[in-house]
Amino acid sequence: MKRQMKQLNPFLIALLVSVVFLACERLSPRNTPPPTTEPARIKNVIIMIGDGMGFQQLGLLVSYARYAPESVYRPRGGKAALESIMEEGTIGVACNEPANALVADSGASSTQIASGKWAGGEMIGIDKEGNAVKGILEVAEEMGKSTGLVTDTAITHATPAAFAAHQTHRSKQGEIAVDLLEANVDVMLAGGLQWWIPQEANDPDSETHKELVRRTGGTIEIRSKREDNLNLLEEARARGLALCFNRAQLQQASGNRVLGLFGRSALMAGIEQTRAGEDPDRTIPTLKELTSKALDMLSTNPNGFFLMVEAGMIDWAGHGNDTGALLHEMIKFDETIALVHEWTQGRRDTLVLVTADHETGGFGFSYSRFNLPAPRSLPGSAFQGEIFQPRKNFGDRRLLDAIYAQKLTYREIMRKFDALPESQQEPKALAEIIEANTEFPITEEEAATILREETEPTGFYSMKDDFRRNLLARVVSKRQLTVWSTGSHTNAPVPLIAYGPSHVTSHYGKMMHSTEWGGKTIEVLRHGR
């Protein structure tokens, strides 16, 4: 064979090489671009808002999950879902101040998130100049996507309202309900029935009242806060929205458009939800169950969807400086995040943003000289002949279990006290109620300070209804080693966690104002990247 090759004419060898080259050219034409991997395009956007959730609130959840000896996260390796998505996603920081002010309320901040435009305090869907602004939900609808709003508070509250309504003040909840209908939101699951039923429903003898009792199965107090006789439920049904008012009705709801109102005002607080557990007779769905139903319905649209989910009672716990309630609200939110995290597994078409509209309460743990730990021996050689005795109390991790063990919110504790006959409303009775429902008993003298009369709002407590809860918190906090800087909002930056394809989430890994990242998210929805 070698001999034959040596005898080949050089011209023939050149001819053979040319043929092989031309054959390769045919197999891989010069004008055909090399194969590329197109980045995944975003079809769905989910914004999850922990109302009032700052980094310290997130820290409370993670500390409990990791370190509480009896943590409910033990079977899950002591890891919260929030921690998982932080590991897998991109972490940024969000500022939230409104136009021409330092501290935001939920109306202005959520308007800025939804629209990418600066807003004034307590505005809903209106920019700082007083003009209605188009938000991400309306953009999604223009693109043929389905849209949804889910919250554990009223659907007419500031945060959900800012995504679909346009009102000069967040207090206009009756008008906001009308706006929500006009916005043609496909899925609305929340509380707030009182803003959707006519004023005549307040008459227990009226046919309207009787019909609502029948529809709700008697699971919701029928009381309207409207100032007119508009029946928005009938209007919703005429627009093709299925109606549901309890957990069973939610489970049975079909189709892809629904209005679910499961409470006169809000749904279950976190502590109440923990007490209810897996009770088969529970009539109020959880935030996780609402979100699951929303995902089921919205994901049937081949064009994709936009969904906003709010855990609104984190903020309420912060206003009341109620650490036990705060922990349970964070767990409620985390369970919902775990559901969304699981739903997105294997998907490259969904961007999830977990954040807050602002921080509430200025919460934190802090060491003190209260209840110093007992001295103890350590086995290490450095402590031979010496006792370990810190000069401050840095916090035993068992405190986390004690905080979780709270049975009633501070608001419920005060209501229980107020329900006593007036002759029994003494400091001793309040101290007994606190001891029965928390792991942090107080003295009668301390109870007396809680019951002192406050007549004017102060810098620390801006809402009169919160005074006694805040005063209770100040007494209990030294036993919990917790501190609260205010009974209202702060302008502290909040977490901004982006989960999804990295070429999209990388946009969020820095400090951004709510207008900046809100505007960026609208761009992602429009362009898919």
Protein backbone atom coordinates (compact mmCIF):
# COMPACT_ATOMS: atom_id res chain seq x y z
CA MET A 1 0.00 0.00 0.00
CA LYS A 2 2.82 2.38 0.89
CA ARG A 3 4.49 1.53 -2.39
CA GLN A 4 1.30 2.43 -4.28
CA MET A 5 0.95 5.75 -2.47
CA LYS A 6 4.52 6.69 -3.33
CA GLN A 7 3.79 6.05 -6.99
CA LEU A 8 0.74 8.45 -7.10
CA ASN A 9 1.15 11.50 -9.31
CA PRO A 10 1.45 14.72 -7.25
CA PHE A 11 -1.34 16.20 -9.38
CA LEU A 12 -3.70 13.40 -8.29
CA ILE A 13 -2.83 13.94 -4.64
CA ALA A 14 -3.73 17.61 -4.95
CA LEU A 15 -6.97 16.66 -6.68
CA LEU A 16 -7.93 14.28 -3.83
CA VAL A 17 -7.29 16.96 -1.21
CA SER A 18 -9.49 19.41 -3.12
CA VAL A 19 -12.36 16.89 -3.29
CA VAL A 20 -12.18 16.23 0.46
CA PHE A 21 -12.12 19.98 1.14
CA LEU A 22 -15.13 20.59 -1.09
CA ALA A 23 -16.99 17.75 0.62
CA CYS A 24 -16.35 19.34 3.99
CA GLU A 25 -17.58 22.66 2.63
CA ARG A 26 -20.85 21.03 1.63
CA LEU A 27 -21.28 19.46 5.06
CA SER A 28 -20.60 22.78 6.78
CA PRO A 29 -21.42 25.68 4.43
CA ARG A 30 -19.40 28.79 4.98
CA ASN A 31 -22.56 30.96 5.23
CA THR A 32 -24.19 28.86 8.01
CA PRO A 33 -23.54 30.37 11.49
CA PRO A 34 -22.22 28.04 14.18
CA PRO A 35 -24.86 26.60 16.53
CA THR A 36 -25.64 28.89 19.50
CA THR A 37 -27.61 28.55 22.74
CA GLU A 38 -30.31 31.23 22.86
CA PRO A 39 -30.75 32.62 26.42
CA ALA A 40 -34.05 31.67 27.96
CA ARG A 41 -36.80 34.26 27.49
CA ILE A 42 -38.89 35.33 30.48
CA LYS A 43 -42.59 34.65 30.03
CA ASN A 44 -43.79 34.88 33.65
CA VAL A 45 -42.98 37.40 36.38
CA ILE A 46 -43.83 36.79 40.04
CA ILE A 47 -43.26 39.58 42.58
CA MET A 48 -43.49 38.47 46.21
CA ILE A 49 -43.72 41.30 48.73
CA GLY A 50 -43.18 40.81 52.44
CA ASP A 51 -44.81 44.04 53.55
CA GLY A 52 -42.57 45.60 56.19
CA MET A 53 -39.84 42.92 55.80
CA GLY A 54 -36.36 44.29 56.30
CA PHE A 55 -33.10 42.39 56.69
CA GLN A 56 -33.63 42.01 60.45
CA GLN A 57 -37.03 40.37 59.91
CA LEU A 58 -35.37 38.01 57.46
CA GLY A 59 -32.67 37.43 60.08
CA LEU A 60 -35.27 36.45 62.69
CA LEU A 61 -36.63 33.77 60.37
CA VAL A 62 -33.21 32.39 59.47
CA SER A 63 -32.03 32.41 63.12
CA TYR A 64 -35.15 30.50 64.16
CA ALA A 65 -34.81 28.00 61.31
CA ARG A 66 -31.12 27.34 61.97
CA TYR A 67 -30.73 27.60 65.71
CA ALA A 68 -33.98 27.10 67.64
CA PRO A 69 -33.63 23.74 69.43
CA GLU A 70 -37.24 22.81 68.58
CA SER A 71 -37.41 24.60 65.22
CA VAL A 72 -40.12 23.38 62.84
CA TYR A 73 -37.40 23.60 60.17
CA ARG A 74 -35.37 20.78 61.75
CA PRO A 75 -36.84 18.13 59.38
CA ARG A 76 -35.80 20.40 56.48
CA GLY A 77 -32.20 20.67 57.58
CA GLY A 78 -32.73 23.93 59.43
CA LYS A 79 -32.97 25.90 56.20
CA ALA A 80 -35.69 28.38 55.27
CA ALA A 81 -36.88 28.66 51.67
CA LEU A 82 -35.77 32.31 51.73
CA GLU A 83 -32.24 31.15 52.42
CA SER A 84 -32.40 28.62 49.57
CA ILE A 85 -33.43 31.15 46.95
CA MET A 86 -30.81 33.57 48.22
CA GLU A 87 -28.18 30.89 47.64
CA GLU A 88 -29.49 30.05 44.15
CA GLY A 89 -30.45 33.55 43.05
CA THR A 90 -29.05 37.08 43.09
CA ILE A 91 -29.16 39.32 46.16
CA GLY A 92 -29.61 43.04 45.87
CA VAL A 93 -30.69 45.89 48.12
CA ALA A 94 -33.72 48.10 47.52
CA CYS A 95 -34.31 51.67 48.69
CA ASN A 96 -37.92 52.75 48.81
CA GLU A 97 -38.34 56.42 49.80
CA PRO A 98 -41.12 58.25 47.93
CA ALA A 99 -40.89 61.52 46.01
CA ASN A 100 -39.87 64.50 48.16
CA ALA A 101 -39.86 62.53 51.44
CA LEU A 102 -37.66 60.20 53.46
CA VAL A 103 -40.05 57.41 54.56
CA ALA A 104 -42.46 55.43 52.40
CA ASP A 105 -45.88 53.99 53.02
CA SER A 106 -47.11 50.93 51.13
CA GLY A 107 -49.13 53.03 48.67
CA ALA A 108 -46.24 55.10 47.35
CA SER A 109 -43.67 52.32 47.53
CA SER A 110 -45.84 49.72 45.78
CA THR A 111 -46.80 52.26 43.12
CA GLN A 112 -43.09 52.83 42.49
CA ILE A 113 -42.47 49.08 42.29
CA ALA A 114 -45.44 48.51 39.97
CA SER A 115 -44.74 51.41 37.60
CA GLY A 116 -41.09 52.39 37.92
CA LYS A 117 -42.28 55.98 38.52
CA TRP A 118 -41.82 58.19 41.58
CA ALA A 119 -44.98 58.59 43.68
CA GLY A 120 -46.06 60.71 46.62
CA GLY A 121 -47.07 59.42 50.03
CA GLU A 122 -50.26 57.29 50.19
CA MET A 123 -50.91 57.56 46.44
CA ILE A 124 -52.23 54.53 44.54
CA GLY A 125 -51.12 54.11 40.93
CA ILE A 126 -50.44 57.83 40.54
CA ASP A 127 -47.07 59.50 39.97
CA LYS A 128 -45.55 62.43 41.88
CA GLU A 129 -47.11 64.89 39.43
CA GLY A 130 -50.59 63.53 40.08
CA ASN A 131 -51.01 61.51 36.87
CA ALA A 132 -52.25 57.94 36.61
CA VAL A 133 -49.34 55.66 35.63
CA LYS A 134 -49.34 52.38 33.76
CA GLY A 135 -48.01 49.54 35.91
CA ILE A 136 -46.59 46.12 35.20
CA LEU A 137 -49.97 44.41 35.55
CA GLU A 138 -51.47 46.61 32.84
CA VAL A 139 -48.44 46.02 30.62
CA ALA A 140 -48.90 42.27 31.07
CA GLU A 141 -52.53 42.52 30.03
CA GLU A 142 -51.60 44.47 26.89
CA MET A 143 -49.25 41.60 26.00
CA GLY A 144 -52.05 39.05 26.30
CA LYS A 145 -50.77 37.63 29.57
CA SER A 146 -52.94 36.60 32.51
CA THR A 147 -52.70 38.63 35.72
CA GLY A 148 -53.18 37.91 39.41
CA LEU A 149 -53.12 39.58 42.83
CA VAL A 150 -52.89 37.56 46.05
CA THR A 151 -52.65 38.87 49.63
CA ASP A 152 -53.49 37.78 53.16
CA THR A 153 -54.94 41.25 53.84
CA ALA A 154 -57.74 42.99 51.92
CA ILE A 155 -57.41 43.04 48.14
CA THR A 156 -58.17 46.78 48.35
CA HIS A 157 -55.21 47.48 50.68
CA ALA A 158 -52.42 49.68 49.42
CA THR A 159 -49.98 47.06 48.16
CA PRO A 160 -52.27 45.05 45.84
CA ALA A 161 -54.23 48.18 44.93
CA ALA A 162 -51.13 49.95 43.61
CA PHE A 163 -50.74 47.31 40.89
CA ALA A 164 -54.21 47.78 39.36
CA ALA A 165 -55.95 50.90 40.72
CA HIS A 166 -55.50 54.66 40.37
CA GLN A 167 -56.64 56.73 43.36
CA THR A 168 -55.35 59.85 45.04
CA HIS A 169 -55.34 58.21 48.47
CA ARG A 170 -55.05 54.65 49.72
CA SER A 171 -58.05 55.13 52.03
CA LYS A 172 -60.47 55.13 49.06
CA GLN A 173 -60.99 51.38 49.26
CA GLY A 174 -64.53 51.49 47.90
CA GLU A 175 -63.28 53.22 44.75
CA ILE A 176 -60.25 50.92 44.62
CA ALA A 177 -62.55 47.87 44.49
CA VAL A 178 -64.26 49.36 41.43
CA ASP A 179 -60.85 50.04 39.85
CA LEU A 180 -59.79 46.42 40.41
CA LEU A 181 -62.83 45.23 38.50
CA GLU A 182 -62.24 47.74 35.71
CA ALA A 183 -58.64 46.54 35.45
CA ASN A 184 -59.88 43.05 34.46
CA VAL A 185 -57.48 41.24 36.79
CA ASP A 186 -57.95 37.51 36.13
CA VAL A 187 -57.23 36.15 39.62
CA MET A 188 -57.84 38.04 42.87
CA LEU A 189 -57.58 36.03 46.09
CA ALA A 190 -57.59 37.84 49.43
CA GLY A 191 -59.76 39.31 52.17
CA GLY A 192 -61.78 42.51 52.05
CA LEU A 193 -65.35 41.35 51.35
CA GLN A 194 -66.68 44.44 53.18
CA TRP A 195 -65.70 46.67 50.22
CA TRP A 196 -67.48 44.53 47.60
CA ILE A 197 -70.98 44.25 49.04
CA PRO A 198 -73.74 46.91 49.11
CA GLN A 199 -74.52 48.98 52.18
CA GLU A 200 -77.96 47.34 52.41
CA ALA A 201 -76.21 44.08 53.34
CA ASN A 202 -75.82 45.51 56.87
CA ASP A 203 -79.52 44.88 57.44
CA PRO A 204 -79.75 41.24 58.63
CA ASP A 205 -83.35 41.08 57.44
CA SER A 206 -82.52 42.14 53.89
CA GLU A 207 -82.52 39.61 51.07
CA THR A 208 -79.01 40.74 50.18
CA HIS A 209 -77.73 39.83 53.65
CA LYS A 210 -79.45 36.44 53.59
CA GLU A 211 -78.10 35.67 50.14
CA LEU A 212 -74.55 36.52 51.21
CA VAL A 213 -74.84 34.29 54.27
CA ARG A 214 -75.93 31.47 51.96
CA ARG A 215 -73.12 32.08 49.48
CA THR A 216 -70.40 32.27 52.10
CA GLY A 217 -71.72 29.35 54.09
CA GLY A 218 -71.83 31.57 57.15
CA THR A 219 -68.03 31.59 57.40
CA ILE A 220 -67.60 35.38 57.02
CA GLU A 221 -69.16 38.22 58.97
CA ILE A 222 -71.45 40.09 56.58
CA ARG A 223 -70.83 43.79 57.12
CA SER A 224 -70.35 46.37 54.39
CA LYS A 225 -68.13 49.44 54.56
CA ARG A 226 -69.36 50.85 51.29
CA GLU A 227 -71.25 54.14 51.25
CA ASP A 228 -73.46 53.05 48.35
CA ASN A 229 -75.49 50.07 47.25
CA LEU A 230 -73.18 48.87 44.50
CA ASN A 231 -73.00 45.08 44.50
CA LEU A 232 -69.56 44.49 43.05
CA LEU A 233 -69.87 40.73 43.45
CA GLU A 234 -72.63 40.69 40.86
CA GLU A 235 -70.54 42.93 38.62
CA ALA A 236 -67.59 40.55 39.02
CA ARG A 237 -69.70 37.55 38.08
CA ALA A 238 -71.03 39.40 35.03
CA ARG A 239 -67.42 39.93 33.96
CA GLY A 240 -66.76 36.18 34.03
CA LEU A 241 -65.10 35.89 37.43
CA ALA A 242 -65.99 32.80 39.45
CA LEU A 243 -66.75 33.69 43.08
CA CYS A 244 -65.52 31.79 46.14
CA PHE A 245 -65.64 32.62 49.83
CA ASN A 246 -64.14 29.65 51.71
CA ARG A 247 -61.47 27.01 51.36
CA ALA A 248 -63.76 24.33 49.93
CA GLN A 249 -65.10 26.70 47.27
CA LEU A 250 -61.53 27.69 46.36
CA GLN A 251 -60.54 24.07 45.89
CA GLN A 252 -63.54 23.49 43.63
CA ALA A 253 -63.08 26.65 41.56
CA SER A 254 -62.29 25.95 37.90
CA GLY A 255 -61.55 27.99 34.83
CA ASN A 256 -58.95 30.72 34.71
CA ARG A 257 -60.73 33.75 36.23
CA VAL A 258 -61.71 34.00 39.88
CA LEU A 259 -62.47 36.47 42.68
CA GLY A 260 -61.97 34.88 46.08
CA LEU A 261 -62.74 36.93 49.20
CA PHE A 262 -62.23 34.85 52.34
CA GLY A 263 -62.64 37.40 55.12
CA ARG A 264 -64.47 40.62 55.90
CA SER A 265 -61.09 42.31 56.22
CA ALA A 266 -57.94 40.18 56.48
CA LEU A 267 -57.34 36.43 56.55
CA MET A 268 -55.68 34.40 59.32
CA ALA A 269 -52.76 35.87 61.21
CA GLY A 270 -49.67 33.68 61.29
CA ILE A 271 -50.17 32.57 64.90
CA GLU A 272 -53.80 31.69 64.16
CA GLN A 273 -52.71 29.73 61.10
CA THR A 274 -50.18 27.81 63.18
CA ARG A 275 -52.90 26.98 65.73
CA ALA A 276 -55.25 25.84 62.96
CA GLY A 277 -52.60 23.58 61.44
CA GLU A 278 -54.07 20.89 59.21
CA ASP A 279 -57.55 21.18 60.71
CA PRO A 280 -59.82 19.62 58.05
CA ASP A 281 -62.63 21.96 59.13
CA ARG A 282 -60.57 25.10 58.50
CA THR A 283 -62.58 27.38 56.21
CA ILE A 284 -60.00 30.10 55.53
CA PRO A 285 -57.28 29.21 53.00
CA THR A 286 -53.64 30.01 53.71
CA LEU A 287 -51.48 32.38 51.69
CA LYS A 288 -49.71 29.31 50.32
CA GLU A 289 -53.00 27.76 49.20
CA LEU A 290 -54.11 31.00 47.55
CA THR A 291 -50.81 31.23 45.69
CA SER A 292 -51.01 27.61 44.56
CA LYS A 293 -54.47 28.18 43.10
CA ALA A 294 -53.33 31.37 41.38
CA LEU A 295 -50.40 29.57 39.75
CA ASP A 296 -52.66 26.75 38.57
CA MET A 297 -55.06 29.18 36.90
CA LEU A 298 -52.60 31.71 35.50
CA SER A 299 -50.20 29.16 34.02
CA THR A 300 -52.83 27.90 31.56
CA ASN A 301 -52.17 30.99 29.41
CA PRO A 302 -49.54 30.13 26.75
CA ASN A 303 -48.53 33.82 26.66
CA GLY A 304 -47.53 33.72 30.32
CA PHE A 305 -48.61 35.75 33.34
CA PHE A 306 -47.84 38.37 35.96
CA LEU A 307 -48.56 37.60 39.63
CA MET A 308 -48.08 39.71 42.76
CA VAL A 309 -48.19 37.90 46.12
CA GLU A 310 -48.17 39.90 49.37
CA ALA A 311 -47.60 38.73 52.93
CA GLY A 312 -49.17 41.84 54.41
CA MET A 313 -49.25 41.00 58.10
CA ILE A 314 -45.47 41.12 58.54
CA ASP A 315 -46.07 44.86 58.52
CA TRP A 316 -48.88 44.56 61.07
CA ALA A 317 -46.65 42.62 63.48
CA GLY A 318 -44.01 45.31 63.04
CA HIS A 319 -46.46 48.12 63.83
CA GLY A 320 -47.37 46.33 67.06
CA ASN A 321 -43.71 45.50 67.88
CA ASP A 322 -44.96 41.90 68.28
CA THR A 323 -41.94 39.59 67.87
CA GLY A 324 -43.89 36.33 68.25
CA ALA A 325 -46.43 37.42 65.65
CA LEU A 326 -43.60 38.59 63.38
CA LEU A 327 -41.93 35.17 63.47
CA HIS A 328 -45.15 33.39 62.52
CA GLU A 329 -45.82 35.86 59.70
CA MET A 330 -42.32 35.29 58.35
CA ILE A 331 -42.88 31.53 58.47
CA LYS A 332 -46.19 31.98 56.62
CA PHE A 333 -44.40 33.96 53.91
CA ASP A 334 -41.57 31.44 53.77
CA GLU A 335 -43.99 28.54 53.22
CA THR A 336 -45.39 30.45 50.24
CA ILE A 337 -41.90 31.13 48.91
CA ALA A 338 -41.14 27.41 49.20
CA LEU A 339 -44.19 26.64 47.06
CA VAL A 340 -43.14 29.14 44.35
CA HIS A 341 -39.55 27.88 44.50
CA GLU A 342 -40.76 24.33 43.92
CA TRP A 343 -43.12 25.45 41.11
CA THR A 344 -40.26 27.09 39.23
CA GLN A 345 -37.96 24.06 39.33
CA GLY A 346 -36.92 23.06 35.82
CA ARG A 347 -38.35 26.26 34.31
CA ARG A 348 -36.30 28.85 32.44
CA ASP A 349 -39.21 31.16 31.64
CA THR A 350 -40.00 32.65 35.06
CA LEU A 351 -38.49 35.51 37.05
CA VAL A 352 -39.27 35.57 40.78
CA LEU A 353 -38.54 38.68 42.83
CA VAL A 354 -38.80 38.53 46.63
CA THR A 355 -38.64 41.88 48.36
CA ALA A 356 -40.44 44.37 50.62
CA ASP A 357 -42.08 47.71 50.07
CA HIS A 358 -40.41 49.11 53.22
CA GLU A 359 -39.28 48.05 56.70
CA THR A 360 -41.57 48.36 59.71
CA GLY A 361 -40.63 48.69 63.36
CA GLY A 362 -36.84 48.88 63.29
CA PHE A 363 -36.60 45.35 64.72
CA GLY A 364 -33.51 43.54 66.01
CA PHE A 365 -31.96 41.34 68.67
CA SER A 366 -29.55 43.02 71.09
CA TYR A 367 -27.50 41.95 74.09
CA SER A 368 -28.09 43.44 77.53
CA ARG A 369 -27.29 43.02 81.21
CA PHE A 370 -30.79 41.65 81.93
CA ASN A 371 -30.90 38.09 83.29
CA LEU A 372 -27.18 37.33 82.98
CA PRO A 373 -26.38 33.67 82.22
CA ALA A 374 -25.03 31.47 85.00
CA PRO A 375 -21.28 30.83 85.03
CA ARG A 376 -20.14 27.45 83.68
CA SER A 377 -17.00 25.42 83.19
CA LEU A 378 -15.53 24.78 79.75
CA PRO A 379 -13.43 21.72 78.84
CA GLY A 380 -10.81 23.64 76.82
CA SER A 381 -7.28 24.03 78.16
CA ALA A 382 -7.44 27.83 78.02
CA PHE A 383 -10.14 27.79 80.72
CA GLN A 384 -8.44 25.42 83.14
CA GLY A 385 -8.92 26.85 86.60
CA GLU A 386 -11.22 29.57 85.28
CA ILE A 387 -15.01 29.85 84.90
CA PHE A 388 -16.68 31.10 81.71
CA GLN A 389 -18.81 34.10 82.72
CA PRO A 390 -19.84 36.64 80.06
CA ARG A 391 -20.59 40.07 81.51
CA LYS A 392 -23.58 40.53 79.21
CA ASN A 393 -26.51 38.40 78.10
CA PHE A 394 -25.98 37.70 74.41
CA GLY A 395 -29.11 35.58 74.07
CA ASP A 396 -29.72 31.88 74.63
CA ARG A 397 -30.99 30.23 71.46
CA ARG A 398 -33.87 28.75 73.44
CA LEU A 399 -35.36 32.25 73.32
CA LEU A 400 -36.27 31.49 69.70
CA ASP A 401 -38.45 28.56 70.74
CA ALA A 402 -40.05 30.70 73.46
CA ILE A 403 -40.89 33.40 70.91
CA TYR A 404 -42.41 30.80 68.57
CA ALA A 405 -44.53 29.40 71.44
CA GLN A 406 -46.66 32.57 71.66
CA LYS A 407 -50.37 31.63 71.41
CA LEU A 408 -52.03 34.99 70.70
CA THR A 409 -50.91 38.17 68.99
CA TYR A 410 -50.56 41.25 71.17
CA ARG A 411 -53.72 42.62 69.53
CA GLU A 412 -55.63 39.46 70.55
CA ILE A 413 -54.21 39.68 74.07
CA MET A 414 -55.48 43.22 74.46
CA ARG A 415 -58.87 42.31 72.98
CA LYS A 416 -59.13 39.42 75.44
CA PHE A 417 -58.43 41.87 78.25
CA ASP A 418 -60.96 44.39 76.91
CA ALA A 419 -63.61 41.65 76.75
CA LEU A 420 -63.46 41.22 80.54
CA PRO A 421 -66.11 42.92 82.66
CA GLU A 422 -64.95 46.45 83.41
CA SER A 423 -64.59 45.65 87.10
CA GLN A 424 -62.02 42.93 86.23
CA GLN A 425 -59.88 45.05 83.91
CA GLU A 426 -57.02 45.34 86.38
CA PRO A 427 -53.24 44.97 85.91
CA LYS A 428 -53.35 41.54 87.55
CA ALA A 429 -55.79 40.24 84.94
CA LEU A 430 -53.63 41.53 82.09
CA ALA A 431 -50.52 39.93 83.59
CA GLU A 432 -52.39 36.61 83.83
CA ILE A 433 -53.50 36.76 80.19
CA ILE A 434 -49.94 37.50 79.09
CA GLU A 435 -48.55 34.64 81.17
CA ALA A 436 -51.13 32.23 79.75
CA ASN A 437 -50.34 33.13 76.13
CA THR A 438 -46.62 33.86 76.03
CA GLU A 439 -43.45 32.42 77.55
CA PHE A 440 -42.58 35.83 79.01
CA PRO A 441 -44.63 36.59 82.15
CA ILE A 442 -44.65 40.14 83.44
CA THR A 443 -45.36 41.68 86.86
CA GLU A 444 -48.53 43.51 87.91
CA GLU A 445 -46.50 46.71 88.15
CA GLU A 446 -45.37 46.30 84.55
CA ALA A 447 -48.95 45.54 83.48
CA ALA A 448 -50.02 48.79 85.10
CA THR A 449 -47.58 50.74 82.92
CA ILE A 450 -49.12 49.12 79.81
CA LEU A 451 -52.59 50.23 80.83
CA ARG A 452 -51.68 53.86 81.33
CA GLU A 453 -53.66 56.23 79.14
CA GLU A 454 -52.02 57.61 76.00
CA THR A 455 -53.89 60.51 74.46
CA GLU A 456 -51.73 61.86 71.65
CA PRO A 457 -49.66 60.16 68.94
CA THR A 458 -45.92 60.43 69.56
CA GLY A 459 -42.85 60.07 67.39
CA PHE A 460 -42.45 56.48 68.50
CA TYR A 461 -46.10 55.41 68.22
CA SER A 462 -47.78 57.07 65.27
CA MET A 463 -51.03 55.13 65.41
CA LYS A 464 -53.21 55.44 68.51
CA ASP A 465 -54.61 51.92 68.25
CA ASP A 466 -51.10 50.52 68.67
CA PHE A 467 -50.18 52.20 71.93
CA ARG A 468 -50.94 49.38 74.35
CA ARG A 469 -49.45 46.76 72.06
CA ASN A 470 -46.27 48.82 71.77
CA LEU A 471 -46.15 49.33 75.52
CA LEU A 472 -46.60 45.59 76.04
CA ALA A 473 -43.74 45.01 73.61
CA ARG A 474 -41.45 47.35 75.53
CA VAL A 475 -42.04 45.38 78.72
CA VAL A 476 -41.63 41.95 77.10
CA SER A 477 -38.74 42.89 74.81
CA LYS A 478 -36.12 43.01 77.56
CA ARG A 479 -36.93 39.35 78.33
CA GLN A 480 -36.70 38.46 74.62
CA LEU A 481 -33.53 40.54 74.06
CA THR A 482 -35.37 42.25 71.22
CA VAL A 483 -35.41 45.94 70.37
CA TRP A 484 -37.82 48.03 68.31
CA SER A 485 -36.97 51.56 67.20
CA THR A 486 -40.51 52.64 66.24
CA GLY A 487 -44.13 51.62 65.92
CA SER A 488 -44.15 52.76 62.29
CA HIS A 489 -42.09 52.48 59.11
CA THR A 490 -38.39 53.22 58.69
CA ASN A 491 -36.48 54.11 55.53
CA ALA A 492 -34.07 51.19 56.00
CA PRO A 493 -33.11 49.47 52.72
CA VAL A 494 -34.76 46.08 52.22
CA PRO A 495 -33.80 42.80 50.55
CA LEU A 496 -34.24 42.36 46.80
CA ILE A 497 -33.82 38.70 45.86
CA ALA A 498 -34.03 37.73 42.18
CA TYR A 499 -34.49 34.07 41.28
CA GLY A 500 -34.51 32.72 37.73
CA PRO A 501 -32.18 32.68 34.70
CA SER A 502 -28.88 34.30 35.70
CA HIS A 503 -28.68 36.54 32.60
CA VAL A 504 -31.85 38.23 33.94
CA THR A 505 -31.30 38.07 37.70
CA SER A 506 -27.87 39.68 37.31
CA HIS A 507 -29.68 42.99 36.68
CA TYR A 508 -30.77 43.05 40.34
CA GLY A 509 -27.51 42.37 42.17
CA LYS A 510 -26.83 45.90 43.41
CA MET A 511 -28.44 48.70 45.41
CA MET A 512 -31.46 50.02 43.48
CA HIS A 513 -34.36 52.32 44.19
CA SER A 514 -37.85 50.85 43.83
CA THR A 515 -38.42 52.98 40.73
CA GLU A 516 -35.24 51.59 39.18
CA TRP A 517 -35.86 47.91 39.73
CA GLY A 518 -39.59 48.30 39.11
CA GLY A 519 -38.85 49.87 35.72
CA LYS A 520 -36.28 47.18 34.95
CA THR A 521 -38.86 44.47 35.66
CA ILE A 522 -41.30 46.02 33.20
CA GLU A 523 -38.51 45.90 30.60
CA VAL A 524 -37.87 42.23 31.37
CA LEU A 525 -41.55 41.44 30.98
CA ARG A 526 -41.78 43.34 27.67
CA HIS A 527 -38.63 41.98 26.09
CA GLY A 528 -38.24 38.62 27.82
CA ARG A 529 -34.76 39.33 29.09
